[in-house]
Amino acid sequence: MSNFSLKGKTALITGGGSGIGKAIATTFANQGAKILIFETDSNAAEQTVFEIQETGNAAEAHLVDVTEFDQINTLVQSIAEKDSIDVLVNNAGIAHIGTAESTAEVDFDRLYNVNVKGVFNCTKACIPFMKNAGKGAIVNMASIAGSVGIKDRFAYSMTKGAVLAMTYSIAKDFLEYNIRCNSISPARVHTPFVDGFISKNYPGQEKEMFEKLSKTQPIGRMGTPEEIATLALYLCSDEAGFITGTDYPIDGGFIKLNGK
């Protein structure tokens, strides 16, 4: 555990109950961090906490809505009374399919509230404690959709572009306090969400659609949550102390190699 150790650190992970968030939570726990999961799905959060505790590591689940600043701020303040706030992973997010024409206003607002305002709320609540400590690491979960055009992902792409801009701004504004902020931009990752999406929209064609979606990555497969988690671990570790204000695509070659 000498390399990329998080021993003695506390990590707040939003959306840590499943998928990429769960992989980040378990990976960070295995490297010694105390894990605080912020979730709206209490069952998923408790299951992740149970699995982490089964390995002898420390974890807590907190039922909270990232779109509500007062909820987040009150919870973070209560946590800070007993724990340091060393790492924040803004992972919670939702997806949407639609163009600028077909996207309903209610869906646009919903994506903004979770994917953009949620990042703002959690960061705003944690920054004062990181400033007081004179250090901190923030990782925001962006997406390749924030950097390149993807068909029928108008509102989702809007939110992830905002995450990129927030990442750069946070990194610059709090550089003097030794608070680092970076983002990760995955391409398609095989999570329970993907399986549910395929089952819902392509019943009876699950295998065919899974293979088709996998091949949209030049490398020929989807990423795994664990691969994303490993990158997040590095960016939150002391070994990445010279890295801030940067986005990291982890995309199987999608951005640079598509069409070549």
Protein backbone atom coordinates (compact mmCIF):
# COMPACT_ATOMS: atom_id res chain seq x y z
CA MET A 1 0.00 0.00 0.00
CA SER A 2 3.06 2.28 -0.19
CA ASN A 3 2.26 3.44 -3.73
CA PHE A 4 -0.92 5.50 -4.16
CA SER A 5 -1.77 5.10 -0.48
CA LEU A 6 -4.77 7.00 0.91
CA LYS A 7 -4.12 5.86 4.46
CA GLY A 8 -5.34 8.38 7.01
CA LYS A 9 -7.47 10.23 4.45
CA THR A 10 -11.23 10.60 4.20
CA ALA A 11 -12.83 10.43 0.76
CA LEU A 12 -16.33 11.68 -0.07
CA ILE A 13 -17.75 9.92 -3.10
CA THR A 14 -21.09 10.93 -4.59
CA GLY A 15 -23.07 8.21 -6.32
CA GLY A 16 -20.87 5.61 -4.66
CA GLY A 17 -23.52 2.91 -4.46
CA SER A 18 -23.09 1.39 -7.91
CA GLY A 19 -21.13 1.38 -11.14
CA ILE A 20 -18.10 3.63 -11.38
CA GLY A 21 -18.80 5.21 -7.98
CA LYS A 22 -18.83 1.85 -6.25
CA ALA A 23 -15.58 0.83 -7.94
CA ILE A 24 -13.97 4.08 -6.79
CA ALA A 25 -15.23 3.58 -3.24
CA THR A 26 -13.89 0.03 -2.95
CA THR A 27 -10.58 0.90 -4.65
CA PHE A 28 -9.98 3.87 -2.36
CA ALA A 29 -10.94 1.81 0.70
CA ASN A 30 -8.41 -0.87 -0.25
CA GLN A 31 -5.78 1.87 -0.30
CA GLY A 32 -6.59 2.89 3.26
CA ALA A 33 -9.11 5.72 2.89
CA LYS A 34 -12.18 6.11 5.06
CA ILE A 35 -15.07 6.18 2.60
CA LEU A 36 -18.13 8.40 2.88
CA ILE A 37 -20.75 7.54 0.27
CA PHE A 38 -23.30 10.20 -0.66
CA GLU A 39 -26.29 8.51 -2.32
CA THR A 40 -30.01 8.76 -2.99
CA ASP A 41 -30.25 4.94 -3.19
CA SER A 42 -29.90 3.82 0.42
CA ASN A 43 -29.90 0.10 -0.40
CA ALA A 44 -27.07 0.44 -2.91
CA ALA A 45 -25.06 2.65 -0.54
CA GLU A 46 -25.48 0.25 2.38
CA GLN A 47 -24.47 -2.70 0.22
CA THR A 48 -21.28 -0.97 -0.84
CA VAL A 49 -20.51 -0.04 2.76
CA PHE A 50 -21.13 -3.63 3.86
CA GLU A 51 -18.73 -4.97 1.23
CA ILE A 52 -16.05 -2.47 2.22
CA GLN A 53 -16.43 -3.23 5.90
CA GLU A 54 -16.23 -6.95 5.18
CA THR A 55 -12.66 -6.35 4.01
CA GLY A 56 -11.80 -4.62 7.28
CA ASN A 57 -11.94 -1.09 5.88
CA ALA A 58 -13.95 1.90 7.05
CA ALA A 59 -17.01 3.25 5.26
CA GLU A 60 -20.24 5.12 5.95
CA ALA A 61 -23.37 5.68 3.89
CA HIS A 62 -25.20 9.02 3.87
CA LEU A 63 -28.61 9.43 2.23
CA VAL A 64 -28.49 12.86 0.62
CA ASP A 65 -29.56 14.67 -2.56
CA VAL A 66 -26.65 16.41 -4.29
CA THR A 67 -29.07 18.90 -5.86
CA GLU A 68 -29.92 20.36 -2.43
CA PHE A 69 -27.12 22.59 -1.14
CA ASP A 70 -28.50 22.90 2.40
CA GLN A 71 -28.57 19.11 2.76
CA ILE A 72 -25.02 18.75 1.46
CA ASN A 73 -23.63 21.65 3.46
CA THR A 74 -25.16 20.49 6.74
CA LEU A 75 -23.87 16.96 6.21
CA VAL A 76 -20.35 18.07 5.25
CA GLN A 77 -20.15 20.36 8.30
CA SER A 78 -21.16 17.52 10.61
CA ILE A 79 -18.57 15.23 9.00
CA ALA A 80 -15.85 17.87 9.34
CA GLU A 81 -16.39 17.95 13.10
CA LYS A 82 -14.86 14.48 13.40
CA ASP A 83 -13.02 13.77 10.14
CA SER A 84 -10.75 15.59 7.74
CA ILE A 85 -12.08 16.13 4.24
CA ASP A 86 -9.16 15.16 2.05
CA VAL A 87 -10.72 13.87 -1.17
CA LEU A 88 -13.92 14.68 -3.04
CA VAL A 89 -15.05 12.64 -6.02
CA ASN A 90 -18.02 14.24 -7.80
CA ASN A 91 -19.28 11.10 -9.50
CA ALA A 92 -23.08 11.28 -9.17
CA GLY A 93 -24.73 11.83 -12.52
CA ILE A 94 -27.60 10.89 -14.80
CA ALA A 95 -27.86 10.36 -18.55
CA HIS A 96 -30.35 11.40 -21.23
CA ILE A 97 -31.00 10.75 -24.90
CA GLY A 98 -32.23 13.56 -27.10
CA THR A 99 -31.40 16.47 -29.39
CA ALA A 100 -31.88 20.20 -28.79
CA GLU A 101 -35.26 19.81 -30.50
CA SER A 102 -36.51 16.69 -28.74
CA THR A 103 -35.22 17.37 -25.21
CA ALA A 104 -37.98 18.52 -22.86
CA GLU A 105 -37.31 21.48 -20.59
CA VAL A 106 -37.99 19.37 -17.51
CA ASP A 107 -35.32 16.87 -18.57
CA PHE A 108 -32.84 19.64 -19.35
CA ASP A 109 -33.37 21.11 -15.87
CA ARG A 110 -33.11 17.68 -14.23
CA LEU A 111 -29.76 16.96 -15.86
CA TYR A 112 -28.45 20.39 -14.97
CA ASN A 113 -29.49 20.00 -11.34
CA VAL A 114 -27.75 16.64 -10.85
CA ASN A 115 -24.76 16.80 -13.18
CA VAL A 116 -23.83 20.47 -12.83
CA LYS A 117 -25.40 21.87 -9.69
CA GLY A 118 -24.54 18.68 -7.81
CA VAL A 119 -20.84 19.20 -8.55
CA PHE A 120 -21.11 22.84 -7.49
CA ASN A 121 -22.94 22.03 -4.26
CA CYS A 122 -20.52 19.38 -3.08
CA THR A 123 -17.45 21.37 -4.06
CA LYS A 124 -18.73 24.55 -2.42
CA ALA A 125 -19.43 22.66 0.81
CA CYS A 126 -16.02 20.95 0.95
CA ILE A 127 -13.70 23.74 -0.21
CA PRO A 128 -13.66 25.71 3.10
CA PHE A 129 -12.40 22.67 5.00
CA MET A 130 -9.78 21.87 2.37
CA LYS A 131 -8.63 25.50 2.50
CA ASN A 132 -8.26 25.33 6.27
CA ALA A 133 -6.23 22.14 5.94
CA GLY A 134 -4.07 23.63 3.21
CA LYS A 135 -4.62 20.68 0.90
CA GLY A 136 -7.22 18.62 -0.93
CA ALA A 137 -7.88 16.61 -4.06
CA ILE A 138 -11.05 16.87 -6.15
CA VAL A 139 -11.91 14.65 -9.10
CA ASN A 140 -14.95 15.44 -11.22
CA MET A 141 -16.48 12.79 -13.46
CA ALA A 142 -16.87 14.35 -16.89
CA SER A 143 -17.29 12.44 -20.17
CA ILE A 144 -16.00 12.35 -23.71
CA ALA A 145 -19.45 13.82 -24.49
CA GLY A 146 -18.18 17.08 -23.03
CA SER A 147 -15.35 17.24 -25.56
CA VAL A 148 -16.72 15.79 -28.80
CA GLY A 149 -20.10 15.64 -30.49
CA ILE A 150 -22.12 12.51 -29.75
CA LYS A 151 -25.43 11.93 -31.49
CA ASP A 152 -28.60 12.40 -29.40
CA ARG A 153 -26.79 13.49 -26.24
CA PHE A 154 -27.54 17.22 -26.24
CA ALA A 155 -28.41 17.82 -22.57
CA TYR A 156 -25.94 15.27 -21.27
CA SER A 157 -23.14 16.79 -23.34
CA MET A 158 -24.08 20.25 -22.04
CA THR A 159 -23.67 19.13 -18.46
CA LYS A 160 -20.35 17.39 -19.03
CA GLY A 161 -18.95 20.40 -20.87
CA ALA A 162 -19.88 22.41 -17.79
CA VAL A 163 -18.05 19.92 -15.58
CA LEU A 164 -14.89 20.45 -17.63
CA ALA A 165 -15.15 24.23 -17.30
CA MET A 166 -15.78 23.99 -13.56
CA THR A 167 -12.77 21.73 -13.17
CA TYR A 168 -10.43 24.24 -14.80
CA SER A 169 -11.88 27.14 -12.80
CA ILE A 170 -11.69 25.34 -9.44
CA ALA A 171 -8.10 24.29 -10.12
CA LYS A 172 -7.04 27.89 -10.84
CA ASP A 173 -9.00 29.56 -8.05
CA PHE A 174 -7.67 27.33 -5.27
CA LEU A 175 -4.16 26.62 -6.47
CA GLU A 176 -2.66 28.74 -3.68
CA TYR A 177 -4.36 26.53 -1.08
CA ASN A 178 -2.79 23.35 -2.47
CA ILE A 179 -6.20 22.09 -3.59
CA ARG A 180 -5.91 20.12 -6.80
CA CYS A 181 -8.84 19.59 -9.15
CA ASN A 182 -8.89 17.31 -12.18
CA SER A 183 -11.53 15.52 -14.21
CA ILE A 184 -11.91 12.13 -15.87
CA SER A 185 -13.72 11.72 -19.20
CA PRO A 186 -14.70 8.10 -19.81
CA ALA A 187 -16.13 6.73 -23.01
CA ARG A 188 -18.70 3.94 -22.67
CA VAL A 189 -18.15 1.90 -19.49
CA HIS A 190 -19.85 -1.42 -18.75
CA THR A 191 -21.99 -0.75 -15.70
CA PRO A 192 -25.40 -1.98 -14.50
CA PHE A 193 -26.81 1.21 -16.05
CA VAL A 194 -25.67 0.09 -19.51
CA ASP A 195 -27.20 -3.36 -19.03
CA GLY A 196 -30.48 -1.80 -17.89
CA PHE A 197 -30.51 0.63 -20.79
CA ILE A 198 -30.03 -2.18 -23.31
CA SER A 199 -32.68 -4.40 -21.70
CA LYS A 200 -35.20 -1.56 -21.62
CA ASN A 201 -34.66 -0.25 -25.15
CA TYR A 202 -33.66 -3.41 -27.02
CA PRO A 203 -35.53 -6.37 -25.49
CA GLY A 204 -34.49 -9.63 -27.11
CA GLN A 205 -31.48 -7.98 -28.75
CA GLU A 206 -29.32 -7.57 -25.66
CA LYS A 207 -26.29 -9.52 -26.89
CA GLU A 208 -26.32 -7.91 -30.32
CA MET A 209 -26.63 -4.37 -28.95
CA PHE A 210 -23.97 -4.95 -26.31
CA GLU A 211 -21.51 -5.98 -29.02
CA LYS A 212 -22.51 -3.04 -31.20
CA LEU A 213 -22.03 -0.53 -28.40
CA SER A 214 -18.75 -2.14 -27.40
CA LYS A 215 -17.37 -1.70 -30.91
CA THR A 216 -18.03 2.05 -30.89
CA GLN A 217 -14.75 2.23 -28.96
CA PRO A 218 -11.78 1.76 -31.34
CA ILE A 219 -10.17 -0.61 -28.85
CA GLY A 220 -13.15 -2.92 -29.39
CA ARG A 221 -14.69 -3.09 -25.93
CA MET A 222 -16.23 -1.00 -23.18
CA GLY A 223 -14.17 0.16 -20.25
CA THR A 224 -14.61 -1.31 -16.78
CA PRO A 225 -15.50 0.62 -13.63
CA GLU A 226 -12.28 -0.63 -12.07
CA GLU A 227 -10.20 0.98 -14.84
CA ILE A 228 -11.84 4.34 -14.14
CA ALA A 229 -11.35 3.84 -10.40
CA THR A 230 -7.64 3.19 -10.83
CA LEU A 231 -7.19 6.48 -12.66
CA ALA A 232 -9.20 8.29 -9.99
CA LEU A 233 -6.99 6.72 -7.32
CA TYR A 234 -3.86 8.03 -8.98
CA LEU A 235 -5.27 11.55 -9.34
CA CYS A 236 -6.26 11.64 -5.65
CA SER A 237 -2.96 10.23 -4.39
CA ASP A 238 0.10 12.17 -3.29
CA GLU A 239 1.95 10.75 -6.32
CA ALA A 240 -0.21 13.05 -8.49
CA GLY A 241 0.78 16.12 -6.48
CA PHE A 242 2.07 17.92 -9.60
CA ILE A 243 -1.19 17.45 -11.51
CA THR A 244 -4.09 19.90 -11.47
CA GLY A 245 -6.46 21.56 -13.91
CA THR A 246 -6.39 18.66 -16.36
CA ASP A 247 -8.98 16.41 -17.97
CA TYR A 248 -8.09 12.76 -18.56
CA PRO A 249 -9.94 10.91 -21.34
CA ILE A 250 -10.10 7.18 -20.69
CA ASP A 251 -11.88 6.15 -23.83
CA GLY A 252 -10.33 3.22 -25.69
CA GLY A 253 -9.13 5.65 -28.35
CA PHE A 254 -12.57 7.18 -29.00
CA ILE A 255 -11.55 10.83 -29.23
CA LYS A 256 -8.35 10.48 -31.24
CA LEU A 257 -8.84 7.30 -33.23
CA ASN A 258 -12.47 7.23 -34.35
CA GLY A 259 -12.69 7.31 -38.12
CA LYS A 260 -8.99 6.60 -38.61
